[in-house]
N, C-alpha and C. Protein backbone atom coordinates (compact mmCIF):
# COMPACT_ATOMS: atom_id res chain seq x y z
N MET A 1 4.16 18.38 86.33
CA MET A 1 3.98 18.62 87.76
C MET A 1 4.19 17.31 88.52
N TRP A 2 4.94 17.39 89.60
CA TRP A 2 5.23 16.22 90.42
C TRP A 2 4.02 15.84 91.27
N THR A 3 3.69 14.56 91.31
CA THR A 3 2.59 14.06 92.13
C THR A 3 3.15 13.09 93.14
N PRO A 4 2.85 13.28 94.44
CA PRO A 4 3.33 12.33 95.44
C PRO A 4 2.85 10.92 95.12
N ALA A 5 3.67 9.94 95.41
CA ALA A 5 3.34 8.55 95.09
C ALA A 5 2.03 8.11 95.73
N TRP A 6 1.75 8.55 96.95
CA TRP A 6 0.54 8.11 97.63
C TRP A 6 -0.71 8.61 96.94
N ARG A 7 -0.65 9.68 96.18
CA ARG A 7 -1.81 10.19 95.48
C ARG A 7 -2.04 9.47 94.16
N ALA A 8 -0.99 8.84 93.63
CA ALA A 8 -1.09 8.17 92.34
C ALA A 8 -1.66 6.76 92.47
N VAL A 9 -1.70 6.22 93.67
CA VAL A 9 -2.16 4.86 93.89
C VAL A 9 -3.69 4.81 93.87
N THR A 10 -4.23 3.85 93.16
CA THR A 10 -5.67 3.66 93.17
C THR A 10 -5.99 2.32 93.82
N LEU A 11 -7.13 2.23 94.42
CA LEU A 11 -7.57 1.01 95.07
C LEU A 11 -8.24 0.11 94.04
N SER A 12 -7.84 -1.13 93.98
CA SER A 12 -8.46 -2.06 93.05
C SER A 12 -8.70 -3.39 93.75
N PHE A 13 -9.61 -4.15 93.21
CA PHE A 13 -9.95 -5.45 93.77
C PHE A 13 -9.86 -6.49 92.66
N PRO A 14 -9.58 -7.74 93.03
CA PRO A 14 -9.54 -8.78 92.01
C PRO A 14 -10.94 -9.05 91.47
N ASN A 15 -11.02 -9.66 90.32
CA ASN A 15 -12.30 -10.02 89.73
C ASN A 15 -12.85 -11.21 90.52
N LEU A 16 -13.83 -10.94 91.39
CA LEU A 16 -14.34 -12.00 92.26
C LEU A 16 -15.09 -13.08 91.50
N GLU A 17 -15.68 -12.71 90.37
CA GLU A 17 -16.39 -13.72 89.58
C GLU A 17 -15.40 -14.77 89.07
N LYS A 18 -14.25 -14.32 88.56
CA LYS A 18 -13.23 -15.26 88.09
C LYS A 18 -12.68 -16.10 89.24
N LEU A 19 -12.46 -15.46 90.40
CA LEU A 19 -11.95 -16.20 91.56
C LEU A 19 -12.96 -17.25 92.03
N ALA A 20 -14.23 -16.87 92.07
CA ALA A 20 -15.27 -17.82 92.49
C ALA A 20 -15.28 -19.04 91.58
N HIS A 21 -15.25 -18.79 90.29
CA HIS A 21 -15.26 -19.92 89.34
C HIS A 21 -13.97 -20.74 89.42
N ALA A 22 -12.85 -20.08 89.66
CA ALA A 22 -11.57 -20.81 89.79
C ALA A 22 -11.60 -21.76 90.97
N TYR A 23 -12.29 -21.38 92.06
CA TYR A 23 -12.38 -22.23 93.24
C TYR A 23 -13.63 -23.11 93.24
N GLY A 24 -14.44 -22.98 92.19
CA GLY A 24 -15.61 -23.84 92.08
C GLY A 24 -16.81 -23.38 92.90
N TYR A 25 -16.84 -22.10 93.25
CA TYR A 25 -17.96 -21.56 94.02
C TYR A 25 -18.95 -20.83 93.10
N PRO A 26 -20.22 -20.90 93.41
CA PRO A 26 -21.19 -20.09 92.67
C PRO A 26 -20.92 -18.61 92.96
N TYR A 27 -21.28 -17.74 92.02
CA TYR A 27 -21.05 -16.31 92.15
C TYR A 27 -22.34 -15.56 91.85
N VAL A 28 -22.65 -14.58 92.71
CA VAL A 28 -23.81 -13.71 92.51
C VAL A 28 -23.32 -12.28 92.58
N SER A 29 -23.78 -11.45 91.66
CA SER A 29 -23.40 -10.04 91.62
C SER A 29 -24.63 -9.17 91.78
N ILE A 30 -24.55 -8.18 92.67
CA ILE A 30 -25.63 -7.21 92.86
C ILE A 30 -25.04 -5.83 92.59
N LYS A 31 -25.46 -5.21 91.47
CA LYS A 31 -24.88 -3.93 91.07
C LYS A 31 -25.82 -2.75 91.26
N GLU A 32 -27.12 -3.00 91.41
CA GLU A 32 -28.10 -1.93 91.57
C GLU A 32 -29.10 -2.29 92.65
N ASN A 33 -29.72 -1.29 93.24
CA ASN A 33 -30.73 -1.53 94.28
C ASN A 33 -31.85 -2.44 93.78
N ALA A 34 -32.22 -2.30 92.52
CA ALA A 34 -33.31 -3.09 91.96
C ALA A 34 -32.98 -4.59 91.93
N GLU A 35 -31.70 -4.92 91.97
CA GLU A 35 -31.26 -6.32 91.94
C GLU A 35 -31.10 -6.92 93.33
N LEU A 36 -31.26 -6.11 94.36
CA LEU A 36 -30.94 -6.54 95.72
C LEU A 36 -31.76 -7.74 96.19
N GLU A 37 -33.08 -7.64 96.11
CA GLU A 37 -33.93 -8.73 96.61
C GLU A 37 -33.66 -10.04 95.87
N GLN A 38 -33.63 -9.98 94.55
CA GLN A 38 -33.40 -11.18 93.75
C GLN A 38 -32.00 -11.75 94.01
N GLY A 39 -31.00 -10.87 94.14
CA GLY A 39 -29.64 -11.32 94.40
C GLY A 39 -29.49 -12.01 95.74
N ILE A 40 -30.14 -11.45 96.76
CA ILE A 40 -30.07 -12.08 98.09
C ILE A 40 -30.79 -13.42 98.07
N GLU A 41 -31.96 -13.48 97.42
CA GLU A 41 -32.68 -14.76 97.33
C GLU A 41 -31.84 -15.81 96.60
N LYS A 42 -31.20 -15.40 95.51
CA LYS A 42 -30.36 -16.33 94.74
C LYS A 42 -29.18 -16.81 95.58
N THR A 43 -28.58 -15.89 96.34
CA THR A 43 -27.44 -16.24 97.18
C THR A 43 -27.86 -17.22 98.28
N LEU A 44 -28.93 -16.90 98.98
CA LEU A 44 -29.38 -17.76 100.08
C LEU A 44 -29.96 -19.08 99.59
N GLY A 45 -30.35 -19.13 98.32
CA GLY A 45 -30.90 -20.35 97.75
C GLY A 45 -29.83 -21.36 97.36
N GLN A 46 -28.57 -20.97 97.38
CA GLN A 46 -27.47 -21.87 97.04
C GLN A 46 -27.21 -22.84 98.19
N SER A 47 -26.81 -24.05 97.86
CA SER A 47 -26.39 -24.98 98.92
C SER A 47 -24.86 -24.91 98.99
N GLY A 48 -24.35 -24.72 100.16
CA GLY A 48 -22.90 -24.63 100.34
C GLY A 48 -22.42 -23.20 100.17
N PRO A 49 -21.09 -23.04 100.09
CA PRO A 49 -20.51 -21.71 99.98
C PRO A 49 -20.87 -21.03 98.66
N VAL A 50 -21.00 -19.71 98.73
CA VAL A 50 -21.27 -18.89 97.55
C VAL A 50 -20.63 -17.53 97.76
N ILE A 51 -20.15 -16.92 96.72
CA ILE A 51 -19.60 -15.57 96.82
C ILE A 51 -20.62 -14.61 96.24
N CYS A 52 -21.08 -13.67 97.06
CA CYS A 52 -22.04 -12.64 96.64
C CYS A 52 -21.33 -11.30 96.72
N GLU A 53 -21.16 -10.66 95.58
CA GLU A 53 -20.48 -9.37 95.51
C GLU A 53 -21.53 -8.27 95.37
N VAL A 54 -21.54 -7.35 96.32
CA VAL A 54 -22.48 -6.23 96.30
C VAL A 54 -21.69 -4.96 96.03
N PHE A 55 -22.03 -4.27 94.96
CA PHE A 55 -21.35 -3.04 94.58
C PHE A 55 -22.08 -1.85 95.21
N VAL A 56 -21.32 -0.89 95.72
CA VAL A 56 -21.89 0.34 96.29
C VAL A 56 -21.26 1.53 95.58
N SER A 57 -21.90 2.68 95.71
CA SER A 57 -21.35 3.88 95.08
C SER A 57 -20.11 4.34 95.83
N MET A 58 -19.30 5.14 95.18
CA MET A 58 -18.08 5.66 95.80
C MET A 58 -18.40 6.58 96.98
N GLU A 59 -19.61 7.13 97.01
CA GLU A 59 -20.00 8.05 98.07
C GLU A 59 -20.57 7.33 99.29
N GLN A 60 -20.73 6.01 99.22
CA GLN A 60 -21.31 5.23 100.31
C GLN A 60 -20.47 5.38 101.58
N GLN A 61 -21.12 5.78 102.67
CA GLN A 61 -20.43 5.86 103.96
C GLN A 61 -20.61 4.52 104.68
N PHE A 62 -19.58 4.09 105.35
CA PHE A 62 -19.66 2.86 106.11
C PHE A 62 -19.73 3.21 107.58
N LEU A 63 -20.95 3.21 108.11
CA LEU A 63 -21.20 3.57 109.49
C LEU A 63 -22.04 2.49 110.15
N PRO A 64 -21.92 2.26 111.43
CA PRO A 64 -20.96 2.90 112.33
C PRO A 64 -19.56 2.34 112.12
N LYS A 65 -18.58 3.08 112.62
CA LYS A 65 -17.20 2.62 112.51
C LYS A 65 -16.44 2.98 113.78
N SER A 66 -15.41 2.20 114.04
CA SER A 66 -14.58 2.43 115.21
C SER A 66 -13.76 3.70 114.99
N SER A 67 -13.70 4.53 116.02
CA SER A 67 -12.99 5.79 115.89
C SER A 67 -12.53 6.27 117.25
N ALA A 68 -11.47 7.06 117.27
CA ALA A 68 -11.02 7.69 118.51
C ALA A 68 -11.87 8.94 118.75
N LYS A 69 -11.94 9.35 120.01
CA LYS A 69 -12.73 10.53 120.36
C LYS A 69 -11.83 11.50 121.11
N ARG A 70 -11.96 12.80 120.79
CA ARG A 70 -11.15 13.83 121.43
C ARG A 70 -11.93 14.41 122.61
N ASP A 71 -11.27 14.49 123.79
CA ASP A 71 -11.94 15.06 124.97
C ASP A 71 -11.76 16.58 124.99
N ALA A 72 -12.28 17.23 126.04
CA ALA A 72 -12.24 18.68 126.14
C ALA A 72 -10.82 19.24 126.16
N GLU A 73 -9.85 18.46 126.67
CA GLU A 73 -8.46 18.90 126.72
C GLU A 73 -7.70 18.62 125.43
N GLY A 74 -8.35 17.96 124.46
CA GLY A 74 -7.70 17.67 123.19
C GLY A 74 -7.04 16.31 123.11
N ASN A 75 -7.16 15.50 124.17
CA ASN A 75 -6.56 14.16 124.17
C ASN A 75 -7.44 13.18 123.41
N LEU A 76 -6.82 12.28 122.65
CA LEU A 76 -7.56 11.24 121.93
C LEU A 76 -7.63 9.98 122.78
N SER A 77 -8.78 9.33 122.75
CA SER A 77 -8.92 8.06 123.46
C SER A 77 -9.64 7.07 122.56
N ALA A 78 -9.20 5.82 122.63
CA ALA A 78 -9.85 4.76 121.86
C ALA A 78 -11.20 4.47 122.49
N ARG A 79 -12.17 4.19 121.66
CA ARG A 79 -13.52 3.92 122.14
C ARG A 79 -13.80 2.42 122.08
N LEU A 80 -14.73 1.96 122.90
CA LEU A 80 -15.17 0.58 122.85
C LEU A 80 -16.01 0.37 121.59
N LEU A 81 -16.12 -0.86 121.14
CA LEU A 81 -16.89 -1.14 119.93
C LEU A 81 -18.36 -0.73 120.06
N ARG A 82 -18.89 -0.71 121.28
CA ARG A 82 -20.29 -0.30 121.45
C ARG A 82 -20.47 1.21 121.29
N ASP A 83 -19.38 1.95 121.30
CA ASP A 83 -19.42 3.41 121.19
C ASP A 83 -18.68 3.81 119.92
N MET A 84 -19.38 3.70 118.80
CA MET A 84 -18.76 3.91 117.50
C MET A 84 -19.26 5.19 116.86
N ALA A 85 -18.46 5.72 115.93
CA ALA A 85 -18.83 6.95 115.22
C ALA A 85 -19.96 6.65 114.24
N PRO A 86 -20.90 7.53 114.02
CA PRO A 86 -21.03 8.85 114.64
C PRO A 86 -21.50 8.69 116.09
N PHE A 87 -20.86 9.44 116.98
CA PHE A 87 -21.09 9.30 118.41
C PHE A 87 -22.45 9.85 118.82
N LEU A 88 -23.12 9.12 119.72
CA LEU A 88 -24.39 9.58 120.28
C LEU A 88 -24.11 10.47 121.48
N PRO A 89 -25.03 11.39 121.80
CA PRO A 89 -24.86 12.18 123.02
C PRO A 89 -24.82 11.26 124.24
N GLU A 90 -24.07 11.66 125.26
CA GLU A 90 -23.91 10.84 126.48
C GLU A 90 -25.26 10.45 127.09
N GLU A 91 -26.22 11.39 127.11
CA GLU A 91 -27.53 11.12 127.71
C GLU A 91 -28.24 9.98 126.95
N GLU A 92 -28.13 10.00 125.63
CA GLU A 92 -28.78 8.96 124.83
C GLU A 92 -28.09 7.62 125.04
N MET A 93 -26.76 7.61 125.13
CA MET A 93 -26.04 6.35 125.37
C MET A 93 -26.44 5.77 126.72
N GLU A 94 -26.54 6.61 127.74
CA GLU A 94 -26.94 6.14 129.07
C GLU A 94 -28.33 5.52 129.03
N MET A 95 -29.24 6.12 128.29
CA MET A 95 -30.60 5.63 128.18
C MET A 95 -30.65 4.28 127.45
N LEU A 96 -29.79 4.08 126.45
CA LEU A 96 -29.80 2.87 125.64
C LEU A 96 -29.07 1.69 126.27
N MET A 97 -28.14 1.95 127.19
CA MET A 97 -27.33 0.89 127.78
C MET A 97 -28.14 0.04 128.76
N LEU A 98 -27.93 -1.27 128.72
CA LEU A 98 -28.59 -2.18 129.66
C LEU A 98 -27.91 -2.12 131.02
N TYR A 99 -26.59 -1.89 131.02
CA TYR A 99 -25.81 -1.80 132.25
C TYR A 99 -25.11 -0.45 132.27
N PRO A 100 -24.90 0.11 133.47
CA PRO A 100 -24.24 1.41 133.54
C PRO A 100 -22.85 1.36 132.89
N ARG A 101 -22.49 2.43 132.21
CA ARG A 101 -21.18 2.51 131.59
C ARG A 101 -20.13 2.87 132.62
N LYS A 102 -18.94 2.28 132.47
CA LYS A 102 -17.83 2.62 133.36
C LYS A 102 -17.24 3.92 132.89
N LYS A 103 -17.00 4.84 133.77
CA LYS A 103 -16.46 6.16 133.41
C LYS A 103 -14.96 6.17 133.56
């Protein structure tokens, strides 16, 4: 069965531990929630630059994120960075803003 090329591509990253050592930087790895506190303390306890790699599950959502929004007529418009997905109701945004929003 033929598979489109875009489906066959997998996302990969270089081995950051090897890169850190190649450049002479300390490396810290956090692979589980239980390692988080100790890993952050170890990272912040370093003097100078350090590479701290934090692994997340494949299901991890990265929110908020910049996204376009569709209006009632179906038109897409780019949003400002302060108005990121998932979008808040207009009433809540108005309540949270320090200055009135430009319409």
